[in-house]
C-alpha atoms as a PDB file:
ATOM      1  CA  UNK A   1       0.000   0.000   0.000  1.00  0.00           C
ATOM      2  CA  UNK A   2       1.151   3.533  -0.775  1.00  0.00           C
ATOM      3  CA  UNK A   3      -0.072   5.780   2.040  1.00  0.00           C
ATOM      4  CA  UNK A   4       1.903   9.042   1.922  1.00  0.00           C
ATOM      5  CA  UNK A   5       3.336  10.730   4.997  1.00  0.00           C
ATOM      6  CA  UNK A   6       1.955  14.120   3.953  1.00  0.00           C
ATOM      7  CA  UNK A   7      -0.250  15.600   1.265  1.00  0.00           C
ATOM      8  CA  UNK A   8      -3.025  13.290   2.412  1.00  0.00           C
ATOM      9  CA  UNK A   9      -6.753  13.907   2.228  1.00  0.00           C
ATOM     10  CA  UNK A  10      -8.046  14.095   5.801  1.00  0.00           C
ATOM     11  CA  UNK A  11     -11.548  14.393   7.264  1.00  0.00           C
ATOM     12  CA  UNK A  12     -11.869  15.480  10.895  1.00  0.00           C
ATOM     13  CA  UNK A  13     -15.379  15.331  12.326  1.00  0.00           C
ATOM     14  CA  UNK A  14     -16.390  17.768  15.038  1.00  0.00           C
ATOM     15  CA  UNK A  15     -13.517  20.124  14.263  1.00  0.00           C
ATOM     16  CA  UNK A  16     -15.058  23.494  15.130  1.00  0.00           C
ATOM     17  CA  UNK A  17     -13.067  23.934  18.355  1.00  0.00           C
ATOM     18  CA  UNK A  18     -11.150  22.128  21.094  1.00  0.00           C
ATOM     19  CA  UNK A  19      -9.474  18.867  20.186  1.00  0.00           C
ATOM     20  CA  UNK A  20     -10.978  18.779  16.695  1.00  0.00           C
ATOM     21  CA  UNK A  21      -9.433  22.150  15.912  1.00  0.00           C
ATOM     22  CA  UNK A  22      -6.029  21.054  17.236  1.00  0.00           C
ATOM     23  CA  UNK A  23      -6.179  17.842  15.182  1.00  0.00           C
ATOM     24  CA  UNK A  24      -7.097  19.719  12.003  1.00  0.00           C
ATOM     25  CA  UNK A  25      -4.260  22.177  12.612  1.00  0.00           C
ATOM     26  CA  UNK A  26      -1.767  19.356  13.198  1.00  0.00           C
ATOM     27  CA  UNK A  27      -2.602  17.688   9.881  1.00  0.00           C
ATOM     28  CA  UNK A  28      -2.544  20.985   7.995  1.00  0.00           C
ATOM     29  CA  UNK A  29       0.857  21.853   9.463  1.00  0.00           C
ATOM     30  CA  UNK A  30       2.019  18.394   8.356  1.00  0.00           C
ATOM     31  CA  UNK A  31       1.188  19.342   4.764  1.00  0.00           C
ATOM     32  CA  UNK A  32      -2.127  17.498   4.515  1.00  0.00           C
ATOM     33  CA  UNK A  33      -5.391  18.865   3.135  1.00  0.00           C
ATOM     34  CA  UNK A  34      -8.195  18.858   5.683  1.00  0.00           C
ATOM     35  CA  UNK A  35     -11.977  18.711   5.531  1.00  0.00           C
ATOM     36  CA  UNK A  36     -13.178  20.510   8.671  1.00  0.00           C
ATOM     37  CA  UNK A  37     -16.581  19.182   9.720  1.00  0.00           C
ATOM     38  CA  UNK A  38     -18.903  20.979  12.106  1.00  0.00           C
ATOM     39  CA  UNK A  39     -22.444  20.488  13.319  1.00  0.00           C
ATOM     40  CA  UNK A  40     -23.814  23.854  14.435  1.00  0.00           C
ATOM     41  CA  UNK A  41     -20.870  26.057  15.499  1.00  0.00           C
ATOM     42  CA  UNK A  42     -20.456  27.877  12.206  1.00  0.00           C
ATOM     43  CA  UNK A  43     -18.363  30.813  13.432  1.00  0.00           C
ATOM     44  CA  UNK A  44     -15.991  28.657  15.454  1.00  0.00           C
ATOM     45  CA  UNK A  45     -15.622  26.209  12.567  1.00  0.00           C
ATOM     46  CA  UNK A  46     -14.743  29.051  10.228  1.00  0.00           C
ATOM     47  CA  UNK A  47     -12.126  30.211  12.722  1.00  0.00           C
ATOM     48  CA  UNK A  48     -10.646  26.712  12.655  1.00  0.00           C
ATOM     49  CA  UNK A  49     -10.697  26.672   8.858  1.00  0.00           C
ATOM     50  CA  UNK A  50      -9.013  30.067   8.605  1.00  0.00           C
ATOM     51  CA  UNK A  51      -6.308  29.024  11.082  1.00  0.00           C
ATOM     52  CA  UNK A  52      -5.082  26.110   8.969  1.00  0.00           C
ATOM     53  CA  UNK A  53      -1.672  26.247   7.359  1.00  0.00           C
ATOM     54  CA  UNK A  54      -1.448  25.581   3.649  1.00  0.00           C
ATOM     55  CA  UNK A  55      -4.213  25.488   1.055  1.00  0.00           C
ATOM     56  CA  UNK A  56      -6.820  23.121  -0.344  1.00  0.00           C
ATOM     57  CA  UNK A  57      -8.860  22.731   2.842  1.00  0.00           C
ATOM     58  CA  UNK A  58     -12.669  22.646   2.952  1.00  0.00           C
ATOM     59  CA  UNK A  59     -15.343  23.505   5.523  1.00  0.00           C
ATOM     60  CA  UNK A  60     -18.347  21.165   5.783  1.00  0.00           C
ATOM     61  CA  UNK A  61     -21.441  21.542   7.937  1.00  0.00           C
ATOM     62  CA  UNK A  62     -23.787  18.624   8.487  1.00  0.00           C
ATOM     63  CA  UNK A  63     -25.843  16.923  11.208  1.00  0.00           C
ATOM     64  CA  UNK A  64     -24.227  13.597  12.071  1.00  0.00           C
ATOM     65  CA  UNK A  65     -27.138  12.443  14.215  1.00  0.00           C
ATOM     66  CA  UNK A  66     -28.774  11.326  10.974  1.00  0.00           C
ATOM     67  CA  UNK A  67     -27.216   8.681   8.691  1.00  0.00           C
ATOM     68  CA  UNK A  68     -27.856  10.920   5.688  1.00  0.00           C
ATOM     69  CA  UNK A  69     -25.795  13.619   7.375  1.00  0.00           C
ATOM     70  CA  UNK A  70     -22.766  11.332   7.449  1.00  0.00           C
ATOM     71  CA  UNK A  71     -23.213  10.640   3.738  1.00  0.00           C
ATOM     72  CA  UNK A  72     -23.337  14.369   3.005  1.00  0.00           C
ATOM     73  CA  UNK A  73     -20.102  14.940   4.926  1.00  0.00           C
ATOM     74  CA  UNK A  74     -18.270  12.155   3.138  1.00  0.00           C
ATOM     75  CA  UNK A  75     -19.574  13.124  -0.310  1.00  0.00           C
ATOM     76  CA  UNK A  76     -18.558  16.750   0.149  1.00  0.00           C
ATOM     77  CA  UNK A  77     -15.160  15.860   1.603  1.00  0.00           C
ATOM     78  CA  UNK A  78     -14.228  13.413  -1.137  1.00  0.00           C
ATOM     79  CA  UNK A  79     -15.447  15.744  -3.860  1.00  0.00           C
ATOM     80  CA  UNK A  80     -13.441  18.667  -2.500  1.00  0.00           C
ATOM     81  CA  UNK A  81     -10.314  16.695  -1.661  1.00  0.00           C
ATOM     82  CA  UNK A  82     -10.451  14.166  -4.501  1.00  0.00           C
ATOM     83  CA  UNK A  83     -10.673  11.174  -2.154  1.00  0.00           C
ATOM     84  CA  UNK A  84      -9.998  10.288   1.464  1.00  0.00           C
ATOM     85  CA  UNK A  85      -6.871   8.872   3.101  1.00  0.00           C
ATOM     86  CA  UNK A  86      -7.456   9.593   6.781  1.00  0.00           C
ATOM     87  CA  UNK A  87     -10.610   9.806   8.886  1.00  0.00           C
ATOM     88  CA  UNK A  88     -10.518  11.154  12.441  1.00  0.00           C
ATOM     89  CA  UNK A  89     -13.756  10.448  14.311  1.00  0.00           C
ATOM     90  CA  UNK A  90     -13.778  13.261  16.847  1.00  0.00           C
ATOM     91  CA  UNK A  91     -17.419  14.434  16.892  1.00  0.00           C
ATOM     92  CA  UNK A  92     -19.015  13.713  20.266  1.00  0.00           C
ATOM     93  CA  UNK A  93     -21.522  14.873  22.842  1.00  0.00           C
ATOM     94  CA  UNK A  94     -21.016  14.742  26.606  1.00  0.00           C
ATOM     95  CA  UNK A  95     -24.137  15.691  28.525  1.00  0.00           C
ATOM     96  CA  UNK A  96     -24.275  15.366  32.316  1.00  0.00           C
ATOM     97  CA  UNK A  97     -26.974  12.858  33.382  1.00  0.00           C
ATOM     98  CA  UNK A  98     -26.310  11.164  36.740  1.00  0.00           C
ATOM     99  CA  UNK A  99     -28.938   8.479  37.219  1.00  0.00           C
ATOM    100  CA  UNK A 100     -30.096   9.514  40.699  1.00  0.00           C
ATOM    101  CA  UNK A 101     -30.792  13.099  39.616  1.00  0.00           C
ATOM    102  CA  UNK A 102     -32.036  12.636  36.041  1.00  0.00           C
ATOM    103  CA  UNK A 103     -35.744  12.140  35.218  1.00  0.00           C
ATOM    104  CA  UNK A 104     -36.454   9.175  32.979  1.00  0.00           C
ATOM    105  CA  UNK A 105     -37.373  11.242  29.908  1.00  0.00           C
ATOM    106  CA  UNK A 106     -34.134  13.209  30.136  1.00  0.00           C
ATOM    107  CA  UNK A 107     -32.189   9.989  30.724  1.00  0.00           C
ATOM    108  CA  UNK A 108     -33.611   8.424  27.544  1.00  0.00           C
ATOM    109  CA  UNK A 109     -32.907  11.562  25.518  1.00  0.00           C
ATOM    110  CA  UNK A 110     -29.324  11.753  26.796  1.00  0.00           C
ATOM    111  CA  UNK A 111     -28.645   8.150  25.859  1.00  0.00           C
ATOM    112  CA  UNK A 112     -30.154   8.607  22.409  1.00  0.00           C
ATOM    113  CA  UNK A 113     -27.982  11.645  21.735  1.00  0.00           C
ATOM    114  CA  UNK A 114     -24.808   9.932  22.921  1.00  0.00           C
ATOM    115  CA  UNK A 115     -25.455   6.809  20.877  1.00  0.00           C
ATOM    116  CA  UNK A 116     -26.388   8.795  17.759  1.00  0.00           C
ATOM    117  CA  UNK A 117     -23.266  10.972  17.745  1.00  0.00           C
ATOM    118  CA  UNK A 118     -20.560   9.149  19.684  1.00  0.00           C
ATOM    119  CA  UNK A 119     -21.211   5.660  18.340  1.00  0.00           C
ATOM    120  CA  UNK A 120     -23.435   5.587  15.263  1.00  0.00           C
ATOM    121  CA  UNK A 121     -21.886   8.608  13.555  1.00  0.00           C
ATOM    122  CA  UNK A 122     -18.459   7.073  14.144  1.00  0.00           C
ATOM    123  CA  UNK A 123     -19.630   3.767  12.682  1.00  0.00           C
ATOM    124  CA  UNK A 124     -21.304   5.413   9.702  1.00  0.00           C
ATOM    125  CA  UNK A 125     -18.372   7.652   8.793  1.00  0.00           C
ATOM    126  CA  UNK A 126     -15.990   4.728   9.208  1.00  0.00           C
ATOM    127  CA  UNK A 127     -18.030   2.606   6.797  1.00  0.00           C
ATOM    128  CA  UNK A 128     -18.189   5.354   4.198  1.00  0.00           C
ATOM    129  CA  UNK A 129     -14.503   6.250   4.476  1.00  0.00           C
ATOM    130  CA  UNK A 130     -13.290   2.652   4.455  1.00  0.00           C
ATOM    131  CA  UNK A 131     -15.263   1.797   1.327  1.00  0.00           C
ATOM    132  CA  UNK A 132     -13.656   4.744  -0.439  1.00  0.00           C
ATOM    133  CA  UNK A 133     -10.185   3.746   0.801  1.00  0.00           C
ATOM    134  CA  UNK A 134     -10.739   0.181  -0.403  1.00  0.00           C
ATOM    135  CA  UNK A 135     -11.763   1.427  -3.843  1.00  0.00           C
ATOM    136  CA  UNK A 136      -8.739   3.726  -4.021  1.00  0.00           C
ATOM    137  CA  UNK A 137      -6.464   0.771  -3.271  1.00  0.00           C
ATOM    138  CA  UNK A 138      -3.780   2.788  -1.484  1.00  0.00           C
ATOM    139  CA  UNK A 139      -4.636   1.985   2.122  1.00  0.00           C
ATOM    140  CA  UNK A 140      -5.624   4.520   4.745  1.00  0.00           C
ATOM    141  CA  UNK A 141      -6.081   5.289   8.414  1.00  0.00           C
ATOM    142  CA  UNK A 142      -9.056   5.691  10.740  1.00  0.00           C
ATOM    143  CA  UNK A 143      -8.379   7.174  14.183  1.00  0.00           C
ATOM    144  CA  UNK A 144     -11.169   7.261  16.763  1.00  0.00           C
ATOM    145  CA  UNK A 145     -11.269   9.610  19.737  1.00  0.00           C
ATOM    146  CA  UNK A 146     -12.257   7.473  22.705  1.00  0.00           C
ATOM    147  CA  UNK A 147     -11.890   8.239  26.393  1.00  0.00           C
ATOM    148  CA  UNK A 148     -10.331   7.233  29.688  1.00  0.00           C
ATOM    149  CA  UNK A 149     -13.928   7.127  30.919  1.00  0.00           C
ATOM    150  CA  UNK A 150     -14.477   3.934  28.963  1.00  0.00           C
ATOM    151  CA  UNK A 151     -12.241   2.200  31.521  1.00  0.00           C
ATOM    152  CA  UNK A 152     -12.535   4.308  34.658  1.00  0.00           C
ATOM    153  CA  UNK A 153     -16.276   4.841  34.620  1.00  0.00           C
ATOM    154  CA  UNK A 154     -18.248   8.072  34.312  1.00  0.00           C
ATOM    155  CA  UNK A 155     -20.808   8.279  37.148  1.00  0.00           C
ATOM    156  CA  UNK A 156     -22.189  11.638  36.016  1.00  0.00           C
ATOM    157  CA  UNK A 157     -21.904  10.833  32.301  1.00  0.00           C
ATOM    158  CA  UNK A 158     -22.650   7.092  31.995  1.00  0.00           C
ATOM    159  CA  UNK A 159     -23.764   7.211  28.362  1.00  0.00           C
ATOM    160  CA  UNK A 160     -20.527   8.966  27.441  1.00  0.00           C
ATOM    161  CA  UNK A 161     -18.408   6.267  29.084  1.00  0.00           C
ATOM    162  CA  UNK A 162     -20.479   3.473  27.558  1.00  0.00           C
ATOM    163  CA  UNK A 163     -20.436   4.867  24.027  1.00  0.00           C
ATOM    164  CA  UNK A 164     -16.709   5.540  24.183  1.00  0.00           C
ATOM    165  CA  UNK A 165     -16.136   1.934  25.267  1.00  0.00           C
ATOM    166  CA  UNK A 166     -18.182   0.891  22.246  1.00  0.00           C
ATOM    167  CA  UNK A 167     -16.046   3.139  20.031  1.00  0.00           C
ATOM    168  CA  UNK A 168     -12.927   1.360  21.296  1.00  0.00           C
ATOM    169  CA  UNK A 169     -14.475  -2.020  20.514  1.00  0.00           C
ATOM    170  CA  UNK A 170     -15.635  -0.863  17.084  1.00  0.00           C
ATOM    171  CA  UNK A 171     -12.131   0.301  16.260  1.00  0.00           C
ATOM    172  CA  UNK A 172     -10.618  -3.060  17.158  1.00  0.00           C
ATOM    173  CA  UNK A 173     -13.192  -4.938  15.074  1.00  0.00           C
ATOM    174  CA  UNK A 174     -12.517  -2.708  12.083  1.00  0.00           C
ATOM    175  CA  UNK A 175      -8.765  -3.015  12.565  1.00  0.00           C
ATOM    176  CA  UNK A 176      -9.045  -6.758  11.965  1.00  0.00           C
ATOM    177  CA  UNK A 177     -11.455  -6.554   9.047  1.00  0.00           C
ATOM    178  CA  UNK A 178      -9.713  -3.710   7.212  1.00  0.00           C
ATOM    179  CA  UNK A 179      -6.070  -4.765   7.605  1.00  0.00           C
ATOM    180  CA  UNK A 180      -6.100  -6.823   4.363  1.00  0.00           C
ATOM    181  CA  UNK A 181      -6.797  -3.561   2.534  1.00  0.00           C
ATOM    182  CA  UNK A 182      -3.905  -1.709   4.143  1.00  0.00           C
ATOM    183  CA  UNK A 183      -6.233   0.325   6.348  1.00  0.00           C
ATOM    184  CA  UNK A 184      -5.107   0.794   9.941  1.00  0.00           C
ATOM    185  CA  UNK A 185      -7.638   1.612  12.650  1.00  0.00           C
ATOM    186  CA  UNK A 186      -6.711   2.805  16.139  1.00  0.00           C
ATOM    187  CA  UNK A 187      -8.200   4.765  19.028  1.00  0.00           C
ATOM    188  CA  UNK A 188      -6.871   7.218  21.571  1.00  0.00           C
ATOM    189  CA  UNK A 189      -8.268   7.308  25.100  1.00  0.00           C
ATOM    190  CA  UNK A 190      -7.561  10.742  26.567  1.00  0.00           C
ATOM    191  CA  UNK A 191      -7.977  11.638  30.186  1.00  0.00           C
ATOM    192  CA  UNK A 192      -8.961  15.165  31.221  1.00  0.00           C
ATOM    193  CA  UNK A 193      -7.539  17.812  28.887  1.00  0.00           C
ATOM    194  CA  UNK A 194      -8.045  21.549  28.635  1.00  0.00           C
ATOM    195  CA  UNK A 195     -10.567  22.954  26.162  1.00  0.00           C
ATOM    196  CA  UNK A 196     -12.890  25.937  26.015  1.00  0.00           C
ATOM    197  CA  UNK A 197     -15.764  23.731  27.164  1.00  0.00           C
ATOM    198  CA  UNK A 198     -14.138  22.623  30.416  1.00  0.00           C
ATOM    199  CA  UNK A 199     -12.285  25.844  31.280  1.00  0.00           C
ATOM    200  CA  UNK A 200     -14.914  26.867  33.868  1.00  0.00           C
ATOM    201  CA  UNK A 201     -14.319  23.602  35.727  1.00  0.00           C
ATOM    202  CA  UNK A 202     -10.541  23.996  35.632  1.00  0.00           C
ATOM    203  CA  UNK A 203     -10.752  27.588  36.818  1.00  0.00           C
ATOM    204  CA  UNK A 204     -13.375  26.811  39.467  1.00  0.00           C
ATOM    205  CA  UNK A 205     -13.302  25.107  42.889  1.00  0.00           C
ATOM    206  CA  UNK A 206     -12.746  21.619  41.467  1.00  0.00           C
ATOM    207  CA  UNK A 207      -9.776  22.656  39.299  1.00  0.00           C
ATOM    208  CA  UNK A 208      -7.103  21.557  41.758  1.00  0.00           C
ATOM    209  CA  UNK A 209      -8.676  18.149  42.279  1.00  0.00           C
ATOM    210  CA  UNK A 210      -8.933  17.603  38.530  1.00  0.00           C
ATOM    211  CA  UNK A 211      -5.265  18.457  38.052  1.00  0.00           C
ATOM    212  CA  UNK A 212      -4.357  16.192  40.985  1.00  0.00           C
ATOM    213  CA  UNK A 213      -5.781  13.190  39.109  1.00  0.00           C
ATOM    214  CA  UNK A 214      -2.413  12.997  37.342  1.00  0.00           C
ATOM    215  CA  UNK A 215       0.889  12.688  39.223  1.00  0.00           C
ATOM    216  CA  UNK A 216       2.163  15.390  36.868  1.00  0.00           C
ATOM    217  CA  UNK A 217      -0.217  17.764  38.610  1.00  0.00           C
ATOM    218  CA  UNK A 218      -1.826  19.056  35.444  1.00  0.00           C
ATOM    219  CA  UNK A 219      -4.279  18.143  32.721  1.00  0.00           C
ATOM    220  CA  UNK A 220      -3.423  17.333  29.148  1.00  0.00           C
ATOM    221  CA  UNK A 221      -3.418  19.698  26.190  1.00  0.00           C
ATOM    222  CA  UNK A 222      -5.200  19.378  22.883  1.00  0.00           C
ATOM    223  CA  UNK A 223      -1.822  19.634  21.153  1.00  0.00           C
ATOM    224  CA  UNK A 224      -0.571  16.538  22.994  1.00  0.00           C
ATOM    225  CA  UNK A 225      -3.616  14.518  21.942  1.00  0.00           C
ATOM    226  CA  UNK A 226      -3.427  15.815  18.371  1.00  0.00           C
ATOM    227  CA  UNK A 227       0.237  14.803  18.081  1.00  0.00           C
ATOM    228  CA  UNK A 228      -0.695  11.225  18.962  1.00  0.00           C
ATOM    229  CA  UNK A 229      -3.530  11.227  16.431  1.00  0.00           C
ATOM    230  CA  UNK A 230      -1.142  12.492  13.755  1.00  0.00           C
ATOM    231  CA  UNK A 231       1.282   9.647  14.492  1.00  0.00           C
ATOM    232  CA  UNK A 232      -1.419   6.954  14.509  1.00  0.00           C
ATOM    233  CA  UNK A 233      -2.489   8.215  11.085  1.00  0.00           C
ATOM    234  CA  UNK A 234       1.034   7.990   9.696  1.00  0.00           C
ATOM    235  CA  UNK A 235       2.480   5.224   7.510  1.00  0.00           C
ATOM    236  CA  UNK A 236       4.832   4.328  10.383  1.00  0.00           C
ATOM    237  CA  UNK A 237       1.900   3.401  12.646  1.00  0.00           C
ATOM    238  CA  UNK A 238       0.508   0.491  10.633  1.00  0.00           C
ATOM    239  CA  UNK A 239       1.687  -2.067  13.213  1.00  0.00           C
ATOM    240  CA  UNK A 240      -0.221  -0.156  15.879  1.00  0.00           C
ATOM    241  CA  UNK A 241      -3.538  -0.892  14.204  1.00  0.00           C
ATOM    242  CA  UNK A 242      -6.054  -2.113  16.769  1.00  0.00           C
ATOM    243  CA  UNK A 243      -4.434  -0.278  19.654  1.00  0.00           C
ATOM    244  CA  UNK A 244      -6.187   1.882  22.217  1.00  0.00           C
ATOM    245  CA  UNK A 245      -3.609   4.473  23.219  1.00  0.00           C
ATOM    246  CA  UNK A 246      -3.963   5.800  26.776  1.00  0.00           C
ATOM    247  CA  UNK A 247      -3.241   9.532  26.990  1.00  0.00           C
ATOM    248  CA  UNK A 248      -4.025  10.415  30.581  1.00  0.00           C
ATOM    249  CA  UNK A 249      -0.786  11.415  32.320  1.00  0.00           C
ATOM    250  CA  UNK A 250      -0.777   8.223  34.447  1.00  0.00           C
ATOM    251  CA  UNK A 251      -4.095   9.255  35.985  1.00  0.00           C
ATOM    252  CA  UNK A 252      -5.583   5.835  35.219  1.00  0.00           C
ATOM    253  CA  UNK A 253      -3.393   2.774  34.697  1.00  0.00           C
ATOM    254  CA  UNK A 254      -4.491  -0.543  33.218  1.00  0.00           C
ATOM    255  CA  UNK A 255      -2.738  -3.627  31.936  1.00  0.00           C
END
């Protein structure tokens, strides 16, 4: 298989801000062309798009909670980029819904949203991208953004932890089935890392306890996670297909 180290055609879902933005920037800086997907944050997505190094990038808005939305994203990305070499499944929701405090109707809605975006959108985009990669015949990479919560448990966000565990399992299944086509599939499992969304928590009363989860006494950065995604998408990472890479600053250890 002939997967290049740069100049690749990359789709990053959920790239309007936070980790998605950092991942898109990392690929663009590497010399790749990036399709920046967003759901509803148009202004932030445009800021991501305008921050990318190089040329040939594209901005794509679509609702991934619907299967047709995933098809729209993939069609627009492949048309603009001329194909697809790398898919990064980053789009996710994380809504607080502790069982003891959440009415049943809200509980059901939270689970439906988490499954639709975190799991089904990941599965649908992976299917669409892999079929294109198979047809191209040059291999490819799929990198899923999972979570430490899949292993540690998420008492206030149980659907998030459960769907991220499913994403890890999906990635390993696809790693086995897609290897004969030169397509590597891997997941990263970040612990707590700093983004705009969680800045109030880090700056508030619980900030010190969150940082103390790691013996380094800090949380991760989006740049650190993005660097790992960039490597897992590289030609050198083929033998890492099927892995779930822990990125949590030794805040949760497993063997």
